[in-house]
C-alpha atoms as a PDB file:
ATOM      1  CA  MET A   1      18.882  24.424  36.716  1.00  0.00           C
ATOM      2  CA  LYS A   2      19.684  23.399  40.314  1.00  0.00           C
ATOM      3  CA  ALA A   3      19.137  26.080  43.464  1.00  0.00           C
ATOM      4  CA  GLN A   4      21.688  26.705  46.114  1.00  0.00           C
ATOM      5  CA  GLN A   5      21.307  28.288  49.593  1.00  0.00           C
ATOM      6  CA  LEU A   6      23.514  29.812  51.969  1.00  0.00           C
ATOM      7  CA  ALA A   7      22.151  30.738  55.637  1.00  0.00           C
ATOM      8  CA  VAL A   8      24.046  34.376  56.239  1.00  0.00           C
ATOM      9  CA  SER A   9      24.536  35.814  59.262  1.00  0.00           C
ATOM     10  CA  GLY A  10      21.855  38.366  61.159  1.00  0.00           C
ATOM     11  CA  VAL A  11      18.613  38.379  60.881  1.00  0.00           C
ATOM     12  CA  GLY A  12      17.787  35.676  58.182  1.00  0.00           C
ATOM     13  CA  ILE A  13      18.787  36.778  54.284  1.00  0.00           C
ATOM     14  CA  ALA A  14      19.933  34.225  52.897  1.00  0.00           C
ATOM     15  CA  VAL A  15      22.438  33.897  48.678  1.00  0.00           C
ATOM     16  CA  ALA A  16      20.546  31.504  46.374  1.00  0.00           C
ATOM     17  CA  LEU A  17      23.331  31.016  43.771  1.00  0.00           C
ATOM     18  CA  LEU A  18      21.819  29.348  40.859  1.00  0.00           C
ATOM     19  CA  LEU A  19      23.650  27.028  38.573  1.00  0.00           C
ATOM     20  CA  ALA A  20      25.014  26.415  35.293  1.00  0.00           C
ATOM     21  CA  PRO A  21      24.610  24.578  33.529  1.00  0.00           C
ATOM     22  CA  PRO A  22      27.674  21.725  33.601  1.00  0.00           C
ATOM     23  CA  ALA A  23      28.600  22.587  30.182  1.00  0.00           C
ATOM     24  CA  MET A  24      29.290  26.321  30.998  1.00  0.00           C
ATOM     25  CA  ALA A  25      30.520  25.088  34.889  1.00  0.00           C
ATOM     26  CA  GLN A  26      33.641  23.097  33.317  1.00  0.00           C
ATOM     27  CA  GLY A  27      35.341  26.702  32.450  1.00  0.00           C
ATOM     28  CA  SER A  28      37.904  27.850  33.795  1.00  0.00           C
ATOM     29  CA  ARG A  29      36.996  31.145  33.849  1.00  0.00           C
ATOM     30  CA  PRO A  30      33.992  32.712  35.125  1.00  0.00           C
ATOM     31  CA  HIS A  31      31.359  34.339  33.289  1.00  0.00           C
ATOM     32  CA  PRO A  32      32.083  38.171  32.267  1.00  0.00           C
ATOM     33  CA  GLN A  33      29.317  38.857  33.723  1.00  0.00           C
ATOM     34  CA  ILE A  34      26.798  38.491  36.683  1.00  0.00           C
ATOM     35  CA  THR A  35      22.923  38.564  37.784  1.00  0.00           C
ATOM     36  CA  ILE A  36      22.078  40.162  41.136  1.00  0.00           C
ATOM     37  CA  THR A  37      18.643  40.001  42.099  1.00  0.00           C
ATOM     38  CA  ASN A  38      17.430  41.959  45.045  1.00  0.00           C
ATOM     39  CA  GLN A  39      14.162  39.868  46.052  1.00  0.00           C
ATOM     40  CA  ARG A  40      14.635  41.458  49.704  1.00  0.00           C
ATOM     41  CA  ALA A  41      11.768  44.032  51.086  1.00  0.00           C
ATOM     42  CA  VAL A  42      14.647  46.523  51.218  1.00  0.00           C
ATOM     43  CA  PRO A  43      16.948  48.090  49.320  1.00  0.00           C
ATOM     44  CA  LEU A  44      20.349  47.077  48.345  1.00  0.00           C
ATOM     45  CA  SER A  45      22.551  49.239  48.696  1.00  0.00           C
ATOM     46  CA  ASN A  46      26.005  48.131  48.414  1.00  0.00           C
ATOM     47  CA  PHE A  47      27.040  45.055  46.478  1.00  0.00           C
ATOM     48  CA  ALA A  48      30.702  43.564  45.765  1.00  0.00           C
ATOM     49  CA  ILE A  49      32.647  40.550  44.650  1.00  0.00           C
ATOM     50  CA  ALA A  50      36.885  40.477  44.816  1.00  0.00           C
ATOM     51  CA  THR A  51      39.090  38.045  44.463  1.00  0.00           C
ATOM     52  CA  PRO A  52      40.012  36.238  47.987  1.00  0.00           C
ATOM     53  CA  GLY A  53      42.903  36.251  50.456  1.00  0.00           C
ATOM     54  CA  ASP A  54      44.812  38.764  52.214  1.00  0.00           C
ATOM     55  CA  GLN A  55      44.932  41.037  49.309  1.00  0.00           C
ATOM     56  CA  PRO A  56      41.649  41.297  47.855  1.00  0.00           C
ATOM     57  CA  ARG A  57      41.065  43.183  44.459  1.00  0.00           C
ATOM     58  CA  LEU A  58      37.572  44.121  43.327  1.00  0.00           C
ATOM     59  CA  VAL A  59      36.117  42.923  40.372  1.00  0.00           C
ATOM     60  CA  ALA A  60      32.288  43.832  40.751  1.00  0.00           C
ATOM     61  CA  LYS A  61      30.484  46.444  42.230  1.00  0.00           C
ATOM     62  CA  LEU A  62      27.052  47.857  42.878  1.00  0.00           C
ATOM     63  CA  ALA A  63      27.246  51.316  41.314  1.00  0.00           C
ATOM     64  CA  LYS A  64      23.341  52.945  43.178  1.00  0.00           C
ATOM     65  CA  PRO A  65      21.410  50.801  45.496  1.00  0.00           C
ATOM     66  CA  LEU A  66      18.608  47.780  44.186  1.00  0.00           C
ATOM     67  CA  ALA A  67      14.872  48.508  44.442  1.00  0.00           C
ATOM     68  CA  PRO A  68      12.806  45.483  46.343  1.00  0.00           C
ATOM     69  CA  GLY A  69      11.708  43.230  43.356  1.00  0.00           C
ATOM     70  CA  LYS A  70      15.043  44.489  40.258  1.00  0.00           C
ATOM     71  CA  SER A  71      17.793  42.870  38.945  1.00  0.00           C
ATOM     72  CA  VAL A  72      20.855  44.004  37.779  1.00  0.00           C
ATOM     73  CA  SER A  73      24.270  42.883  36.135  1.00  0.00           C
ATOM     74  CA  LEU A  74      27.926  43.453  37.391  1.00  0.00           C
ATOM     75  CA  ARG A  75      30.173  42.765  34.739  1.00  0.00           C
ATOM     76  CA  LEU A  76      33.737  41.643  36.117  1.00  0.00           C
ATOM     77  CA  ASN A  77      37.003  43.599  35.795  1.00  0.00           C
ATOM     78  CA  LYS A  78      39.421  41.662  34.413  1.00  0.00           C
ATOM     79  CA  PRO A  79      38.316  38.304  36.564  1.00  0.00           C
ATOM     80  CA  GLN A  80      40.909  35.381  37.054  1.00  0.00           C
ATOM     81  CA  GLY A  81      40.135  31.869  38.672  1.00  0.00           C
ATOM     82  CA  CYS A  82      36.375  30.734  39.674  1.00  0.00           C
ATOM     83  CA  ALA A  83      37.192  31.538  43.624  1.00  0.00           C
ATOM     84  CA  TYR A  84      34.939  35.154  44.945  1.00  0.00           C
ATOM     85  CA  THR A  85      33.824  36.614  47.639  1.00  0.00           C
ATOM     86  CA  VAL A  86      31.126  38.538  47.841  1.00  0.00           C
ATOM     87  CA  GLN A  87      29.588  41.431  50.340  1.00  0.00           C
ATOM     88  CA  ALA A  88      26.203  42.869  50.699  1.00  0.00           C
ATOM     89  CA  ARG A  89      24.846  45.153  52.233  1.00  0.00           C
ATOM     90  CA  PHE A  90      21.269  46.270  52.957  1.00  0.00           C
ATOM     91  CA  GLU A  91      19.555  50.171  54.213  1.00  0.00           C
ATOM     92  CA  ASP A  92      18.026  47.876  56.875  1.00  0.00           C
ATOM     93  CA  GLU A  93      21.809  47.945  58.245  1.00  0.00           C
ATOM     94  CA  ALA A  94      21.208  43.269  57.820  1.00  0.00           C
ATOM     95  CA  GLU A  95      24.694  42.451  55.902  1.00  0.00           C
ATOM     96  CA  SER A  96      25.491  38.998  54.122  1.00  0.00           C
ATOM     97  CA  ASP A  97      28.637  37.775  52.979  1.00  0.00           C
ATOM     98  CA  ALA A  98      29.648  34.201  51.261  1.00  0.00           C
ATOM     99  CA  ASP A  99      32.539  32.518  48.853  1.00  0.00           C
ATOM    100  CA  MET A 100      31.331  31.899  45.973  1.00  0.00           C
ATOM    101  CA  ASP A 101      32.340  29.568  42.382  1.00  0.00           C
ATOM    102  CA  LEU A 102      31.565  31.871  39.920  1.00  0.00           C
ATOM    103  CA  CYS A 103      32.389  29.743  37.360  1.00  0.00           C
ATOM    104  CA  LYS A 104      29.200  28.611  37.946  1.00  0.00           C
ATOM    105  CA  ASP A 105      27.097  30.672  39.857  1.00  0.00           C
ATOM    106  CA  ARG A 106      26.089  33.206  37.241  1.00  0.00           C
ATOM    107  CA  VAL A 107      23.276  34.110  38.776  1.00  0.00           C
ATOM    108  CA  ILE A 108      22.988  35.225  42.977  1.00  0.00           C
ATOM    109  CA  ARG A 109      19.189  35.781  44.236  1.00  0.00           C
ATOM    110  CA  LEU A 110      19.317  37.609  47.866  1.00  0.00           C
ATOM    111  CA  THR A 111      16.323  36.007  49.805  1.00  0.00           C
ATOM    112  CA  GLU A 112      14.569  36.878  53.037  1.00  0.00           C
END
């Protein structure tokens, strides 16, 4: 799998995106489930996936904090299209914000 890094504001957090195999990337619908992995040394306190635009619609949200080194799968609620905005916030107040193509990206690794 190919990995992609996105720079994040503030303390140098990166969101690493593992891309789906080409056969899966060709669809116009995202995978119904996205895996989030917290590879930072602090808990992930908030995580949300929403549609882009002026009136975003929440399609997935972290139910409880995610401990360092742990992973969780989030089910997408009525996903439409491929473009989404991902927002993460950690207990140390570090934040991450990225636009993603969830038709290609199925795994999100949050790293230092």
